[in-house]
Amino acid sequence: MQIKDLKKNDIILSKQLGTPIRGRLLESPIQGKGIKKVILIYAYGEEVGMFNEHGSIPITDIVAVYREKGWININREVI
């Protein structure tokens, strides 16, 4: 799966805190004809002993997305 296939409210794994944690996309990564470099998410920091909060992360920190069949890795070759 590629970054352009992500949608608002998708559950993702991101590595911005060092260890992968779950988060929910608060916006779509598509912007006009291109892809945003930074995206707004709600991070579930409680998984590693921190606070849950929203913030911006680089799209290169997104590791996987959860769909019906489970976690799907993100292909970052076309960024």
C-alpha atoms as a PDB file:
ATOM      1  CA  MET A   1       0.000   0.000   0.000  1.00  0.00           C
ATOM      2  CA  GLN A   2       1.193   3.531  -0.690  1.00  0.00           C
ATOM      3  CA  ILE A   3       0.746   6.800   1.185  1.00  0.00           C
ATOM      4  CA  LYS A   4      -1.728   8.048  -1.443  1.00  0.00           C
ATOM      5  CA  ASP A   5      -4.089   5.154  -0.543  1.00  0.00           C
ATOM      6  CA  LEU A   6      -4.530   6.345   3.065  1.00  0.00           C
ATOM      7  CA  LYS A   7      -7.778   8.045   4.077  1.00  0.00           C
ATOM      8  CA  LYS A   8      -8.943  10.248   6.919  1.00  0.00           C
ATOM      9  CA  ASN A   9      -9.708   8.236  10.111  1.00  0.00           C
ATOM     10  CA  ASP A  10      -7.450   5.292   9.126  1.00  0.00           C
ATOM     11  CA  ILE A  11      -5.700   3.581  12.043  1.00  0.00           C
ATOM     12  CA  ILE A  12      -1.925   3.663  11.497  1.00  0.00           C
ATOM     13  CA  LEU A  13       1.322   2.608  13.142  1.00  0.00           C
ATOM     14  CA  SER A  14       3.835   5.443  13.375  1.00  0.00           C
ATOM     15  CA  LYS A  15       7.378   5.594  14.700  1.00  0.00           C
ATOM     16  CA  GLN A  16       7.669   9.259  15.726  1.00  0.00           C
ATOM     17  CA  LEU A  17       8.242   8.331  19.390  1.00  0.00           C
ATOM     18  CA  GLY A  18      10.921   5.748  18.610  1.00  0.00           C
ATOM     19  CA  THR A  19       8.768   2.670  19.163  1.00  0.00           C
ATOM     20  CA  PRO A  20       5.768   2.102  16.852  1.00  0.00           C
ATOM     21  CA  ILE A  21       2.474   3.278  18.335  1.00  0.00           C
ATOM     22  CA  ARG A  22      -1.068   3.384  16.999  1.00  0.00           C
ATOM     23  CA  GLY A  23      -2.623   6.597  15.755  1.00  0.00           C
ATOM     24  CA  ARG A  24      -5.623   7.834  13.796  1.00  0.00           C
ATOM     25  CA  LEU A  25      -5.287  10.095  10.756  1.00  0.00           C
ATOM     26  CA  LEU A  26      -7.109  13.392  11.279  1.00  0.00           C
ATOM     27  CA  GLU A  27      -6.690  14.468   7.654  1.00  0.00           C
ATOM     28  CA  SER A  28      -6.141  12.925   4.255  1.00  0.00           C
ATOM     29  CA  PRO A  29      -2.555  12.862   2.918  1.00  0.00           C
ATOM     30  CA  ILE A  30      -3.770  13.929  -0.547  1.00  0.00           C
ATOM     31  CA  GLN A  31      -3.457  17.662  -1.241  1.00  0.00           C
ATOM     32  CA  GLY A  32      -4.596  18.805  -4.658  1.00  0.00           C
ATOM     33  CA  LYS A  33      -2.506  16.841  -7.137  1.00  0.00           C
ATOM     34  CA  GLY A  34       0.251  15.910  -4.691  1.00  0.00           C
ATOM     35  CA  ILE A  35       0.893  14.327  -1.312  1.00  0.00           C
ATOM     36  CA  LYS A  36       1.495  16.267   1.911  1.00  0.00           C
ATOM     37  CA  LYS A  37       4.905  15.973   3.569  1.00  0.00           C
ATOM     38  CA  VAL A  38       3.490  16.392   7.106  1.00  0.00           C
ATOM     39  CA  ILE A  39       0.166  14.983   8.300  1.00  0.00           C
ATOM     40  CA  LEU A  40      -1.996  15.540  11.388  1.00  0.00           C
ATOM     41  CA  ILE A  41      -2.702  12.459  13.551  1.00  0.00           C
ATOM     42  CA  TYR A  42      -4.111  11.574  16.966  1.00  0.00           C
ATOM     43  CA  ALA A  43      -1.409   9.467  18.620  1.00  0.00           C
ATOM     44  CA  TYR A  44      -2.226   6.900  21.315  1.00  0.00           C
ATOM     45  CA  GLY A  45       0.826   7.590  23.481  1.00  0.00           C
ATOM     46  CA  GLU A  46      -0.667   5.637  26.399  1.00  0.00           C
ATOM     47  CA  GLU A  47       0.714   2.494  24.733  1.00  0.00           C
ATOM     48  CA  VAL A  48       4.229   3.560  25.784  1.00  0.00           C
ATOM     49  CA  GLY A  49       3.377   5.405  29.007  1.00  0.00           C
ATOM     50  CA  MET A  50       2.802   8.884  27.554  1.00  0.00           C
ATOM     51  CA  PHE A  51      -0.272  11.035  26.939  1.00  0.00           C
ATOM     52  CA  ASN A  52      -2.687  10.635  24.042  1.00  0.00           C
ATOM     53  CA  GLU A  53      -2.560  13.771  21.924  1.00  0.00           C
ATOM     54  CA  HIS A  54      -2.824  15.093  18.400  1.00  0.00           C
ATOM     55  CA  GLY A  55       0.053  16.507  16.414  1.00  0.00           C
ATOM     56  CA  SER A  56       1.813  16.617  13.083  1.00  0.00           C
ATOM     57  CA  ILE A  57       4.263  13.972  11.927  1.00  0.00           C
ATOM     58  CA  PRO A  58       6.235  13.496   8.697  1.00  0.00           C
ATOM     59  CA  ILE A  59       4.580  10.946   6.415  1.00  0.00           C
ATOM     60  CA  THR A  60       7.858   9.013   6.380  1.00  0.00           C
ATOM     61  CA  ASP A  61       7.129   8.037  10.023  1.00  0.00           C
ATOM     62  CA  ILE A  62       4.023   6.052   9.002  1.00  0.00           C
ATOM     63  CA  VAL A  63       4.926   2.347   9.071  1.00  0.00           C
ATOM     64  CA  ALA A  64       1.627   0.481   8.499  1.00  0.00           C
ATOM     65  CA  VAL A  65      -2.137   0.927   8.200  1.00  0.00           C
ATOM     66  CA  TYR A  66      -4.882  -1.289   9.653  1.00  0.00           C
ATOM     67  CA  ARG A  67      -7.514  -2.598   7.264  1.00  0.00           C
ATOM     68  CA  GLU A  68     -10.061  -5.448   7.535  1.00  0.00           C
ATOM     69  CA  LYS A  69      -7.466  -8.204   7.109  1.00  0.00           C
ATOM     70  CA  GLY A  70      -4.903  -6.741   9.520  1.00  0.00           C
ATOM     71  CA  TRP A  71      -1.815  -4.519   9.329  1.00  0.00           C
ATOM     72  CA  ILE A  72      -0.510  -3.618   5.850  1.00  0.00           C
ATOM     73  CA  ASN A  73       2.995  -2.184   5.433  1.00  0.00           C
ATOM     74  CA  ILE A  74       3.397   1.153   3.676  1.00  0.00           C
ATOM     75  CA  ASN A  75       5.494   1.233   0.509  1.00  0.00           C
ATOM     76  CA  ARG A  76       7.525   4.470   0.574  1.00  0.00           C
ATOM     77  CA  GLU A  77       9.290   4.154  -2.801  1.00  0.00           C
ATOM     78  CA  VAL A  78       7.122   6.749  -4.568  1.00  0.00           C
ATOM     79  CA  ILE A  79       7.248   9.578  -2.005  1.00  0.00           C
END
